[in-house]
Amino acid sequence: VLIPEINLNDTFDTFALDFTREKKLLECLDYLTAPNPPTI
């Protein structure tokens, strides 16, 4: 008779996507340049 357990908070938290790092990498995409020479 009691109301069965209802879980309406079942979210898609397992599918949380964070593309922050990838976006930064793509925004920094550029030619490779040679490193500056060292300072003796």
Full PDB file with SEQRES, HELIX, SHEET, SSBOND, CRYST1, ORIGX, SCALE, CONECT and MASTER records, all heavy atoms in Angstrom:
SEQRES   1 A   40  VAL LEU ILE PRO GLU ILE ASN LEU ASN ASP THR PHE ASP          
SEQRES   2 A   40  THR PHE ALA LEU ASP PHE THR ARG GLU LYS LYS LEU LEU          
SEQRES   3 A   40  GLU CYS LEU ASP TYR LEU THR ALA PRO ASN PRO PRO THR          
SEQRES   4 A   40  ILE                                                          
HELIX    1 AA1 ASP A   13  PHE A   15  5                                   3    
HELIX    2 AA2 THR A   20  GLU A   27  1                                   8    
CRYST1    1.000    1.000    1.000  90.00  90.00  90.00 P 1           1          
ORIGX1      1.000000  0.000000  0.000000        0.00000                         
ORIGX2      0.000000  1.000000  0.000000        0.00000                         
ORIGX3      0.000000  0.000000  1.000000        0.00000                         
SCALE1      1.000000  0.000000  0.000000        0.00000                         
SCALE2      0.000000  1.000000  0.000000        0.00000                         
SCALE3      0.000000  0.000000  1.000000        0.00000                         
ATOM      1  N   VAL A   1       0.833  -1.193   0.000  1.00  0.00           N  
ATOM      2  CA  VAL A   1       0.000   0.000   0.000  1.00  0.00           C  
ATOM      3  C   VAL A   1       0.872   1.249   0.000  1.00  0.00           C  
ATOM      4  O   VAL A   1       0.511   2.268  -0.561  1.00  0.00           O  
ATOM      5  CB  VAL A   1      -0.945  -0.002   1.217  1.00  0.00           C  
ATOM      6  CG1 VAL A   1      -1.722   1.305   1.310  1.00  0.00           C  
ATOM      7  CG2 VAL A   1      -1.908  -1.163   1.114  1.00  0.00           C  
ATOM      8  N   LEU A   2       2.023   1.144   0.648  1.00  0.00           N  
ATOM      9  CA  LEU A   2       2.904   2.304   0.732  1.00  0.00           C  
ATOM     10  C   LEU A   2       3.401   2.687  -0.661  1.00  0.00           C  
ATOM     11  O   LEU A   2       3.549   1.845  -1.542  1.00  0.00           O  
ATOM     12  CB  LEU A   2       4.100   2.001   1.632  1.00  0.00           C  
ATOM     13  CG  LEU A   2       3.765   1.652   3.078  1.00  0.00           C  
ATOM     14  CD1 LEU A   2       5.033   1.280   3.814  1.00  0.00           C  
ATOM     15  CD2 LEU A   2       3.074   2.812   3.761  1.00  0.00           C  
ATOM     16  N   ILE A   3       3.653   3.948  -0.844  1.00  0.00           N  
ATOM     17  CA  ILE A   3       4.139   4.428  -2.140  1.00  0.00           C  
ATOM     18  C   ILE A   3       5.540   3.877  -2.366  1.00  0.00           C  
ATOM     19  O   ILE A   3       6.414   3.995  -1.504  1.00  0.00           O  
ATOM     20  CB  ILE A   3       4.163   5.971  -2.173  1.00  0.00           C  
ATOM     21  CG1 ILE A   3       2.744   6.499  -2.005  1.00  0.00           C  
ATOM     22  CG2 ILE A   3       4.795   6.482  -3.454  1.00  0.00           C  
ATOM     23  CD1 ILE A   3       2.653   8.000  -1.869  1.00  0.00           C  
ATOM     24  N   PRO A   4       5.778   3.268  -3.523  1.00  0.00           N  
ATOM     25  CA  PRO A   4       7.121   2.736  -3.800  1.00  0.00           C  
ATOM     26  C   PRO A   4       8.129   3.870  -3.950  1.00  0.00           C  
ATOM     27  O   PRO A   4       7.750   5.016  -4.200  1.00  0.00           O  
ATOM     28  CB  PRO A   4       6.938   1.974  -5.113  1.00  0.00           C  
ATOM     29  CG  PRO A   4       5.756   2.599  -5.753  1.00  0.00           C  
ATOM     30  CD  PRO A   4       4.872   3.071  -4.636  1.00  0.00           C  
ATOM     31  N   GLU A   5       9.370   3.515  -3.818  1.00  0.00           N  
ATOM     32  CA  GLU A   5      10.432   4.509  -3.924  1.00  0.00           C  
ATOM     33  C   GLU A   5      10.476   5.057  -5.347  1.00  0.00           C  
ATOM     34  O   GLU A   5      10.546   4.310  -6.318  1.00  0.00           O  
ATOM     35  CB  GLU A   5      11.783   3.881  -3.578  1.00  0.00           C  
ATOM     36  CG  GLU A   5      12.925   4.860  -3.621  1.00  0.00           C  
ATOM     37  CD  GLU A   5      14.253   4.221  -3.272  1.00  0.00           C  
ATOM     38  OE1 GLU A   5      14.259   3.228  -2.541  1.00  0.00           O  
ATOM     39  OE2 GLU A   5      15.271   4.722  -3.764  1.00  0.00           O  
ATOM     40  N   ILE A   6      10.407   6.365  -5.447  1.00  0.00           N  
ATOM     41  CA  ILE A   6      10.452   7.013  -6.757  1.00  0.00           C  
ATOM     42  C   ILE A   6      11.716   7.854  -6.807  1.00  0.00           C  
ATOM     43  O   ILE A   6      11.979   8.660  -5.919  1.00  0.00           O  
ATOM     44  CB  ILE A   6       9.217   7.909  -6.976  1.00  0.00           C  
ATOM     45  CG1 ILE A   6       7.945   7.063  -6.931  1.00  0.00           C  
ATOM     46  CG2 ILE A   6       9.323   8.645  -8.302  1.00  0.00           C  
ATOM     47  CD1 ILE A   6       6.673   7.876  -6.974  1.00  0.00           C  
ATOM     48  N   ASN A   7      12.503   7.658  -7.848  1.00  0.00           N  
ATOM     49  CA  ASN A   7      13.750   8.391  -7.990  1.00  0.00           C  
ATOM     50  C   ASN A   7      13.642   9.305  -9.206  1.00  0.00           C  
ATOM     51  O   ASN A   7      13.928   8.901 -10.321  1.00  0.00           O  
ATOM     52  CB  ASN A   7      14.921   7.416  -8.142  1.00  0.00           C  
ATOM     53  CG  ASN A   7      16.251   8.138  -8.148  1.00  0.00           C  
ATOM     54  OD1 ASN A   7      16.312   9.334  -7.908  1.00  0.00           O  
ATOM     55  ND2 ASN A   7      17.313   7.414  -8.432  1.00  0.00           N  
ATOM     56  N   LEU A   8      13.208  10.542  -8.957  1.00  0.00           N  
ATOM     57  CA  LEU A   8      13.093  11.511 -10.049  1.00  0.00           C  
ATOM     58  C   LEU A   8      14.380  12.297 -10.241  1.00  0.00           C  
ATOM     59  O   LEU A   8      14.486  13.086 -11.161  1.00  0.00           O  
ATOM     60  CB  LEU A   8      11.931  12.472  -9.773  1.00  0.00           C  
ATOM     61  CG  LEU A   8      10.555  11.821  -9.693  1.00  0.00           C  
ATOM     62  CD1 LEU A   8       9.508  12.868  -9.342  1.00  0.00           C  
ATOM     63  CD2 LEU A   8      10.202  11.140 -10.997  1.00  0.00           C  
ATOM     64  N   ASN A   9      15.328  12.098  -9.371  1.00  0.00           N  
ATOM     65  CA  ASN A   9      16.594  12.831  -9.457  1.00  0.00           C  
ATOM     66  C   ASN A   9      17.639  12.084 -10.260  1.00  0.00           C  
ATOM     67  O   ASN A   9      18.813  12.401 -10.188  1.00  0.00           O  
ATOM     68  CB  ASN A   9      17.136  13.123  -8.051  1.00  0.00           C  
ATOM     69  CG  ASN A   9      16.229  14.049  -7.287  1.00  0.00           C  
ATOM     70  OD1 ASN A   9      15.610  14.915  -7.869  1.00  0.00           O  
ATOM     71  ND2 ASN A   9      16.134  13.841  -5.987  1.00  0.00           N  
ATOM     72  N   ASP A  10      17.216  11.082 -10.998  1.00  0.00           N  
ATOM     73  CA  ASP A  10      18.151  10.315 -11.814  1.00  0.00           C  
ATOM     74  C   ASP A  10      18.597  11.201 -12.974  1.00  0.00           C  
ATOM     75  O   ASP A  10      17.845  11.431 -13.912  1.00  0.00           O  
ATOM     76  CB  ASP A  10      17.463   9.046 -12.324  1.00  0.00           C  
ATOM     77  CG  ASP A  10      18.464   8.030 -12.831  1.00  0.00           C  
ATOM     78  OD1 ASP A  10      19.668   8.225 -12.611  1.00  0.00           O  
ATOM     79  OD2 ASP A  10      18.037   7.048 -13.454  1.00  0.00           O  
ATOM     80  N   THR A  11      19.795  11.739 -12.875  1.00  0.00           N  
ATOM     81  CA  THR A  11      20.264  12.691 -13.869  1.00  0.00           C  
ATOM     82  C   THR A  11      21.341  12.075 -14.737  1.00  0.00           C  
ATOM     83  O   THR A  11      21.742  10.932 -14.549  1.00  0.00           O  
ATOM     84  CB  THR A  11      20.852  13.936 -13.169  1.00  0.00           C  
ATOM     85  OG1 THR A  11      21.974  13.513 -12.385  1.00  0.00           O  
ATOM     86  CG2 THR A  11      19.819  14.620 -12.296  1.00  0.00           C  
ATOM     87  N   PHE A  12      21.810  12.850 -15.672  1.00  0.00           N  
ATOM     88  CA  PHE A  12      22.861  12.400 -16.575  1.00  0.00           C  
ATOM     89  C   PHE A  12      24.230  12.878 -16.080  1.00  0.00           C  
ATOM     90  O   PHE A  12      25.089  13.246 -16.866  1.00  0.00           O  
ATOM     91  CB  PHE A  12      22.592  12.937 -17.983  1.00  0.00           C  
ATOM     92  CG  PHE A  12      21.568  12.140 -18.731  1.00  0.00           C  
ATOM     93  CD1 PHE A  12      20.218  12.369 -18.548  1.00  0.00           C  
ATOM     94  CD2 PHE A  12      21.955  11.156 -19.614  1.00  0.00           C  
ATOM     95  CE1 PHE A  12      19.274  11.632 -19.238  1.00  0.00           C  
ATOM     96  CE2 PHE A  12      21.014  10.416 -20.307  1.00  0.00           C  
ATOM     97  CZ  PHE A  12      19.671  10.650 -20.124  1.00  0.00           C  
ATOM     98  N   ASP A  13      24.425  12.865 -14.762  1.00  0.00           N  
ATOM     99  CA  ASP A  13      25.698  13.310 -14.199  1.00  0.00           C  
ATOM    100  C   ASP A  13      26.866  12.467 -14.699  1.00  0.00           C  
ATOM    101  O   ASP A  13      27.989  12.941 -14.769  1.00  0.00           O  
ATOM    102  CB  ASP A  13      25.658  13.275 -12.666  1.00  0.00           C  
ATOM    103  CG  ASP A  13      24.761  14.368 -12.112  1.00  0.00           C  
ATOM    104  OD1 ASP A  13      24.454  15.314 -12.857  1.00  0.00           O  
ATOM    105  OD2 ASP A  13      24.360  14.273 -10.944  1.00  0.00           O  
ATOM    106  N   THR A  14      26.581  11.214 -15.021  1.00  0.00           N  
ATOM    107  CA  THR A  14      27.664  10.359 -15.518  1.00  0.00           C  
ATOM    108  C   THR A  14      28.120  10.806 -16.897  1.00  0.00           C  
ATOM    109  O   THR A  14      29.159  10.381 -17.367  1.00  0.00           O  
ATOM    110  CB  THR A  14      27.214   8.895 -15.588  1.00  0.00           C  
ATOM    111  OG1 THR A  14      26.036   8.828 -16.397  1.00  0.00           O  
ATOM    112  CG2 THR A  14      26.935   8.336 -14.213  1.00  0.00           C  
ATOM    113  N   PHE A  15      27.335  11.683 -17.525  1.00  0.00           N  
ATOM    114  CA  PHE A  15      27.690  12.158 -18.851  1.00  0.00           C  
ATOM    115  C   PHE A  15      28.128  13.618 -18.821  1.00  0.00           C  
ATOM    116  O   PHE A  15      27.947  14.330 -19.793  1.00  0.00           O  
ATOM    117  CB  PHE A  15      26.506  11.989 -19.808  1.00  0.00           C  
ATOM    118  CG  PHE A  15      26.180  10.556 -20.081  1.00  0.00           C  
ATOM    119  CD1 PHE A  15      25.068   9.969 -19.511  1.00  0.00           C  
ATOM    120  CD2 PHE A  15      26.982   9.782 -20.894  1.00  0.00           C  
ATOM    121  CE1 PHE A  15      24.752   8.654 -19.759  1.00  0.00           C  
ATOM    122  CE2 PHE A  15      26.686   8.462 -21.141  1.00  0.00           C  
ATOM    123  CZ  PHE A  15      25.567   7.894 -20.580  1.00  0.00           C  
ATOM    124  N   ALA A  16      28.646  14.057 -17.707  1.00  0.00           N  
ATOM    125  CA  ALA A  16      29.123  15.436 -17.613  1.00  0.00           C  
ATOM    126  C   ALA A  16      30.307  15.605 -18.558  1.00  0.00           C  
ATOM    127  O   ALA A  16      31.263  14.843 -18.520  1.00  0.00           O  
ATOM    128  CB  ALA A  16      29.530  15.751 -16.180  1.00  0.00           C  
ATOM    129  N   LEU A  17      30.211  16.583 -19.421  1.00  0.00           N  
ATOM    130  CA  LEU A  17      31.259  16.823 -20.404  1.00  0.00           C  
ATOM    131  C   LEU A  17      31.937  18.146 -20.114  1.00  0.00           C  
ATOM    132  O   LEU A  17      31.282  19.146 -19.845  1.00  0.00           O  
ATOM    133  CB  LEU A  17      30.651  16.858 -21.817  1.00  0.00           C  
ATOM    134  CG  LEU A  17      29.952  15.584 -22.258  1.00  0.00           C  
ATOM    135  CD1 LEU A  17      29.241  15.807 -23.593  1.00  0.00           C  
ATOM    136  CD2 LEU A  17      30.941  14.452 -22.396  1.00  0.00           C  
ATOM    137  N   ASP A  18      33.248  18.144 -20.171  1.00  0.00           N  
ATOM    138  CA  ASP A  18      34.018  19.364 -19.953  1.00  0.00           C  
ATOM    139  C   ASP A  18      35.072  19.451 -21.053  1.00  0.00           C  
ATOM    140  O   ASP A  18      36.035  18.680 -21.063  1.00  0.00           O  
ATOM    141  CB  ASP A  18      34.672  19.348 -18.579  1.00  0.00           C  
ATOM    142  CG  ASP A  18      35.464  20.617 -18.300  1.00  0.00           C  
ATOM    143  OD1 ASP A  18      35.313  21.605 -19.064  1.00  0.00           O  
ATOM    144  OD2 ASP A  18      36.234  20.638 -17.327  1.00  0.00           O  
ATOM    145  N   PHE A  19      34.863  20.360 -21.980  1.00  0.00           N  
ATOM    146  CA  PHE A  19      35.784  20.515 -23.104  1.00  0.00           C  
ATOM    147  C   PHE A  19      36.689  21.728 -22.937  1.00  0.00           C  
ATOM    148  O   PHE A  19      37.280  22.192 -23.898  1.00  0.00           O  
ATOM    149  CB  PHE A  19      34.990  20.661 -24.413  1.00  0.00           C  
ATOM    150  CG  PHE A  19      34.258  19.415 -24.807  1.00  0.00           C  
ATOM    151  CD1 PHE A  19      32.880  19.372 -24.775  1.00  0.00           C  
ATOM    152  CD2 PHE A  19      34.951  18.290 -25.192  1.00  0.00           C  
ATOM    153  CE1 PHE A  19      32.197  18.227 -25.144  1.00  0.00           C  
ATOM    154  CE2 PHE A  19      34.282  17.143 -25.554  1.00  0.00           C  
ATOM    155  CZ  PHE A  19      32.902  17.102 -25.536  1.00  0.00           C  
ATOM    156  N   THR A  20      36.820  22.221 -21.724  1.00  0.00           N  
ATOM    157  CA  THR A  20      37.616  23.423 -21.473  1.00  0.00           C  
ATOM    158  C   THR A  20      39.054  23.252 -21.958  1.00  0.00           C  
ATOM    159  O   THR A  20      39.593  24.106 -22.668  1.00  0.00           O  
ATOM    160  CB  THR A  20      37.604  23.755 -19.965  1.00  0.00           C  
ATOM    161  OG1 THR A  20      36.251  23.807 -19.525  1.00  0.00           O  
ATOM    162  CG2 THR A  20      38.292  25.068 -19.691  1.00  0.00           C  
ATOM    163  N   ARG A  21      39.666  22.137 -21.570  1.00  0.00           N  
ATOM    164  CA  ARG A  21      41.066  21.896 -21.943  1.00  0.00           C  
ATOM    165  C   ARG A  21      41.213  21.788 -23.454  1.00  0.00           C  
ATOM    166  O   ARG A  21      42.116  22.385 -24.048  1.00  0.00           O  
ATOM    167  CB  ARG A  21      41.555  20.616 -21.260  1.00  0.00           C  
ATOM    168  CG  ARG A  21      43.015  20.293 -21.501  1.00  0.00           C  
ATOM    169  CD  ARG A  21      43.408  19.043 -20.740  1.00  0.00           C  
ATOM    170  NE  ARG A  21      42.497  17.959 -21.025  1.00  0.00           N  
ATOM    171  CZ  ARG A  21      42.846  16.816 -21.615  1.00  0.00           C  
ATOM    172  NH1 ARG A  21      44.090  16.593 -21.934  1.00  0.00           N  
ATOM    173  NH2 ARG A  21      41.963  15.885 -21.877  1.00  0.00           N  
ATOM    174  N   GLU A  22      40.300  21.052 -24.097  1.00  0.00           N  
ATOM    175  CA  GLU A  22      40.374  20.858 -25.536  1.00  0.00           C  
ATOM    176  C   GLU A  22      40.168  22.178 -26.285  1.00  0.00           C  
ATOM    177  O   GLU A  22      40.839  22.454 -27.274  1.00  0.00           O  
ATOM    178  CB  GLU A  22      39.333  19.824 -25.991  1.00  0.00           C  
ATOM    179  CG  GLU A  22      39.650  18.401 -25.575  1.00  0.00           C  
ATOM    180  CD  GLU A  22      39.317  18.084 -24.119  1.00  0.00           C  
ATOM    181  OE1 GLU A  22      38.742  18.961 -23.422  1.00  0.00           O  
ATOM    182  OE2 GLU A  22      39.643  16.976 -23.671  1.00  0.00           O  
ATOM    183  N   LYS A  23      39.242  23.007 -25.783  1.00  0.00           N  
ATOM    184  CA  LYS A  23      39.006  24.300 -26.419  1.00  0.00           C  
ATOM    185  C   LYS A  23      40.251  25.172 -26.336  1.00  0.00           C  
ATOM    186  O   LYS A  23      40.635  25.821 -27.314  1.00  0.00           O  
ATOM    187  CB  LYS A  23      37.826  25.014 -25.755  1.00  0.00           C  
ATOM    188  CG  LYS A  23      36.478  24.425 -26.113  1.00  0.00           C  
ATOM    189  CD  LYS A  23      35.366  25.134 -25.354  1.00  0.00           C  
ATOM    190  CE  LYS A  23      34.031  24.475 -25.602  1.00  0.00           C  
ATOM    191  NZ  LYS A  23      32.956  25.080 -24.793  1.00  0.00           N  
ATOM    192  N   LYS A  24      40.888  25.171 -25.165  1.00  0.00           N  
ATOM    193  CA  LYS A  24      42.110  25.968 -25.006  1.00  0.00           C  
ATOM    194  C   LYS A  24      43.196  25.482 -25.952  1.00  0.00           C  
ATOM    195  O   LYS A  24      43.905  26.283 -26.562  1.00  0.00           O  
ATOM    196  CB  LYS A  24      42.602  25.917 -23.561  1.00  0.00           C  
ATOM    197  CG  LYS A  24      41.796  26.768 -22.626  1.00  0.00           C  
ATOM    198  CD  LYS A  24      42.343  26.710 -21.216  1.00  0.00           C  
ATOM    199  CE  LYS A  24      41.467  27.517 -20.269  1.00  0.00           C  
ATOM    200  NZ  LYS A  24      41.913  27.414 -18.887  1.00  0.00           N  
ATOM    201  N   LEU A  25      43.333  24.155 -26.059  1.00  0.00           N  
ATOM    202  CA  LEU A  25      44.347  23.609 -26.963  1.00  0.00           C  
ATOM    203  C   LEU A  25      44.065  24.004 -28.414  1.00  0.00           C  
ATOM    204  O   LEU A  25      44.979  24.374 -29.148  1.00  0.00           O  
ATOM    205  CB  LEU A  25      44.387  22.075 -26.853  1.00  0.00           C  
ATOM    206  CG  LEU A  25      45.017  21.511 -25.580  1.00  0.00           C  
ATOM    207  CD1 LEU A  25      44.819  20.006 -25.509  1.00  0.00           C  
ATOM    208  CD2 LEU A  25      46.497  21.846 -25.533  1.00  0.00           C  
ATOM    209  N   LEU A  26      42.810  23.934 -28.810  1.00  0.00           N  
ATOM    210  CA  LEU A  26      42.464  24.304 -30.182  1.00  0.00           C  
ATOM    211  C   LEU A  26      42.652  25.799 -30.423  1.00  0.00           C  
ATOM    212  O   LEU A  26      43.081  26.208 -31.503  1.00  0.00           O  
ATOM    213  CB  LEU A  26      41.028  23.881 -30.509  1.00  0.00           C  
ATOM    214  CG  LEU A  26      40.823  22.376 -30.672  1.00  0.00           C  
ATOM    215  CD1 LEU A  26      39.341  22.057 -30.816  1.00  0.00           C  
ATOM    216  CD2 LEU A  26      41.604  21.832 -31.850  1.00  0.00           C  
ATOM    217  N   GLU A  27      42.340  26.616 -29.417  1.00  0.00           N  
ATOM    218  CA  GLU A  27      42.521  28.054 -29.564  1.00  0.00           C  
ATOM    219  C   GLU A  27      44.001  28.422 -29.657  1.00  0.00           C  
ATOM    220  O   GLU A  27      44.356  29.418 -30.283  1.00  0.00           O  
ATOM    221  CB  GLU A  27      41.871  28.793 -28.397  1.00  0.00           C  
ATOM    222  CG  GLU A  27      40.357  28.785 -28.470  1.00  0.00           C  
ATOM    223  CD  GLU A  27      39.696  29.280 -27.193  1.00  0.00           C  
ATOM    224  OE1 GLU A  27      40.403  29.533 -26.194  1.00  0.00           O  
ATOM    225  OE2 GLU A  27      38.457  29.390 -27.193  1.00  0.00           O  
ATOM    226  N   CYS A  28      44.860  27.624 -29.064  1.00  0.00           N  
ATOM    227  CA  CYS A  28      46.301  27.893 -29.086  1.00  0.00           C  
ATOM    228  C   CYS A  28      46.983  27.261 -30.291  1.00  0.00           C  
ATOM    229  O   CYS A  28      48.200  27.371 -30.437  1.00  0.00           O  
ATOM    230  CB  CYS A  28      46.961  27.382 -27.805  1.00  0.00           C  
ATOM    231  SG  CYS A  28      46.423  28.260 -26.335  1.00  0.00           S  
ATOM    232  N   LEU A  29      46.217  26.606 -31.135  1.00  0.00           N  
ATOM    233  CA  LEU A  29      46.771  25.926 -32.301  1.00  0.00           C  
ATOM    234  C   LEU A  29      47.471  26.943 -33.195  1.00  0.00           C  
ATOM    235  O   LEU A  29      46.884  27.941 -33.602  1.00  0.00           O  
ATOM    236  CB  LEU A  29      45.631  25.236 -33.066  1.00  0.00           C  
ATOM    237  CG  LEU A  29      46.007  24.247 -34.146  1.00  0.00           C  
ATOM    238  CD1 LEU A  29      46.760  23.075 -33.522  1.00  0.00           C  
ATOM    239  CD2 LEU A  29      44.765  23.739 -34.829  1.00  0.00           C  
ATOM    240  N   ASP A  30      48.739  26.711 -33.469  1.00  0.00           N  
ATOM    241  CA  ASP A  30      49.528  27.636 -34.274  1.00  0.00           C  
ATOM    242  C   ASP A  30      50.745  26.901 -34.803  1.00  0.00           C  
ATOM    243  O   ASP A  30      50.972  25.732 -34.487  1.00  0.00           O  
ATOM    244  CB  ASP A  30      49.956  28.838 -33.421  1.00  0.00           C  
ATOM    245  CG  ASP A  30      50.284  30.058 -34.275  1.00  0.00           C  
ATOM    246  OD1 ASP A  30      50.280  29.949 -35.523  1.00  0.00           O  
ATOM    247  OD2 ASP A  30      50.542  31.118 -33.692  1.00  0.00           O  
ATOM    248  N   TYR A  31      51.543  27.581 -35.583  1.00  0.00           N  
ATOM    249  CA  TYR A  31      52.790  26.998 -36.064  1.00  0.00           C  
ATOM    250  C   TYR A  31      53.696  26.675 -34.894  1.00  0.00           C  
ATOM    251  O   TYR A  31      53.701  27.386 -33.886  1.00  0.00           O  
ATOM    252  CB  TYR A  31      53.553  27.994 -36.949  1.00  0.00           C  
ATOM    253  CG  TYR A  31      53.038  28.085 -38.355  1.00  0.00           C  
ATOM    254  CD1 TYR A  31      52.331  29.202 -38.774  1.00  0.00           C  
ATOM    255  CD2 TYR A  31      53.269  27.071 -39.270  1.00  0.00           C  
ATOM    256  CE1 TYR A  31      51.859  29.305 -40.067  1.00  0.00           C  
ATOM    257  CE2 TYR A  31      52.796  27.168 -40.556  1.00  0.00           C  
ATOM    258  CZ  TYR A  31      52.097  28.285 -40.952  1.00  0.00           C  
ATOM    259  OH  TYR A  31      51.636  28.374 -42.217  1.00  0.00           O  
ATOM    260  N   LEU A  32      54.463  25.624 -35.035  1.00  0.00           N  
ATOM    261  CA  LEU A  32      55.495  25.355 -34.045  1.00  0.00           C  
ATOM    262  C   LEU A  32      56.639  26.309 -34.316  1.00  0.00           C  
ATOM    263  O   LEU A  32      57.019  26.529 -35.463  1.00  0.00           O  
ATOM    264  CB  LEU A  32      55.994  23.912 -34.156  1.00  0.00           C  
ATOM    265  CG  LEU A  32      55.012  22.827 -33.764  1.00  0.00           C  
ATOM    266  CD1 LEU A  32      55.626  21.460 -34.005  1.00  0.00           C  
ATOM    267  CD2 LEU A  32      54.657  22.967 -32.301  1.00  0.00           C  
ATOM    268  N   THR A  33      57.173  26.882 -33.270  1.00  0.00           N  
ATOM    269  CA  THR A  33      58.306  27.774 -33.429  1.00  0.00           C  
ATOM    270  C   THR A  33      59.475  27.213 -32.645  1.00  0.00           C  
ATOM    271  O   THR A  33      59.292  26.508 -31.650  1.00  0.00           O  
ATOM    272  CB  THR A  33      57.979  29.187 -32.899  1.00  0.00           C  
ATOM    273  OG1 THR A  33      57.537  29.074 -31.559  1.00  0.00           O  
ATOM    274  CG2 THR A  33      56.898  29.842 -33.729  1.00  0.00           C  
ATOM    275  N   ALA A  34      60.656  27.534 -33.120  1.00  0.00           N  
ATOM    276  CA  ALA A  34      61.861  27.049 -32.453  1.00  0.00           C  
ATOM    277  C   ALA A  34      61.994  27.756 -31.108  1.00  0.00           C  
ATOM    278  O   ALA A  34      61.616  28.922 -30.964  1.00  0.00           O  
ATOM    279  CB  ALA A  34      63.084  27.329 -33.309  1.00  0.00           C  
ATOM    280  N   PRO A  35      62.503  27.068 -30.126  1.00  0.00           N  
ATOM    281  CA  PRO A  35      62.677  27.711 -28.825  1.00  0.00           C  
ATOM    282  C   PRO A  35      63.762  28.780 -28.883  1.00  0.00           C  
ATOM    283  O   PRO A  35      64.643  28.748 -29.738  1.00  0.00           O  
ATOM    284  CB  PRO A  35      63.094  26.555 -27.912  1.00  0.00           C  
ATOM    285  CG  PRO A  35      63.646  25.522 -28.820  1.00  0.00           C  
ATOM    286  CD  PRO A  35      62.926  25.676 -30.125  1.00  0.00           C  
ATOM    287  N   ASN A  36      63.664  29.718 -27.974  1.00  0.00           N  
ATOM    288  CA  ASN A  36      64.692  30.755 -27.887  1.00  0.00           C  
ATOM    289  C   ASN A  36      65.995  30.124 -27.425  1.00  0.00           C  
ATOM    290  O   ASN A  36      65.988  29.159 -26.644  1.00  0.00           O  
ATOM    291  CB  ASN A  36      64.261  31.838 -26.903  1.00  0.00           C  
ATOM    292  CG  ASN A  36      63.040  32.585 -27.389  1.00  0.00           C  
ATOM    293  OD1 ASN A  36      62.849  32.753 -28.587  1.00  0.00           O  
ATOM    294  ND2 ASN A  36      62.196  33.025 -26.466  1.00  0.00           N  
ATOM    295  N   PRO A  37      67.104  30.663 -27.871  1.00  0.00           N  
ATOM    296  CA  PRO A  37      68.381  30.100 -27.412  1.00  0.00           C  
ATOM    297  C   PRO A  37      68.566  30.362 -25.921  1.00  0.00           C  
ATOM    298  O   PRO A  37      68.032  31.327 -25.381  1.00  0.00           O  
ATOM    299  CB  PRO A  37      69.425  30.852 -28.243  1.00  0.00           C  
ATOM    300  CG  PRO A  37      68.753  32.105 -28.666  1.00  0.00           C  
ATOM    301  CD  PRO A  37      67.286  31.778 -28.784  1.00  0.00           C  
ATOM    302  N   PRO A  38      69.322  29.515 -25.256  1.00  0.00           N  
ATOM    303  CA  PRO A  38      69.521  29.718 -23.824  1.00  0.00           C  
ATOM    304  C   PRO A  38      70.439  30.916 -23.568  1.00  0.00           C  
ATOM    305  O   PRO A  38      71.182  31.347 -24.427  1.00  0.00           O  
ATOM    306  CB  PRO A  38      70.191  28.419 -23.387  1.00  0.00           C  
ATOM    307  CG  PRO A  38      70.909  27.949 -24.596  1.00  0.00           C  
ATOM    308  CD  PRO A  38      70.049  28.357 -25.764  1.00  0.00           C  
ATOM    309  N   THR A  39      70.389  31.407 -22.346  1.00  0.00           N  
ATOM    310  CA  THR A  39      71.262  32.493 -21.922  1.00  0.00           C  
ATOM    311  C   THR A  39      72.403  31.881 -21.124  1.00  0.00           C  
ATOM    312  O   THR A  39      72.171  31.197 -20.121  1.00  0.00           O  
ATOM    313  CB  THR A  39      70.486  33.485 -21.028  1.00  0.00           C  
ATOM    314  OG1 THR A  39      69.331  33.936 -21.748  1.00  0.00           O  
ATOM    315  CG2 THR A  39      71.342  34.660 -20.630  1.00  0.00           C  
ATOM    316  N   ILE A  40      73.620  32.081 -21.602  1.00  0.00           N  
ATOM    317  CA  ILE A  40      74.800  31.548 -20.916  1.00  0.00           C  
ATOM    318  C   ILE A  40      75.035  32.384 -19.665  1.00  0.00           C  
ATOM    319  O   ILE A  40      75.066  33.609 -19.708  1.00  0.00           O  
ATOM    320  CB  ILE A  40      76.054  31.603 -21.823  1.00  0.00           C  
ATOM    321  CG1 ILE A  40      75.816  30.868 -23.151  1.00  0.00           C  
ATOM    322  CG2 ILE A  40      77.271  31.052 -21.083  1.00  0.00           C  
ATOM    323  CD1 ILE A  40      75.628  29.387 -23.031  1.00  0.00           C  
TER     324      ILE A  40                                                      
MASTER        0    0    0    2    0    0    0    6  323    1    0    4          
END                                                                             
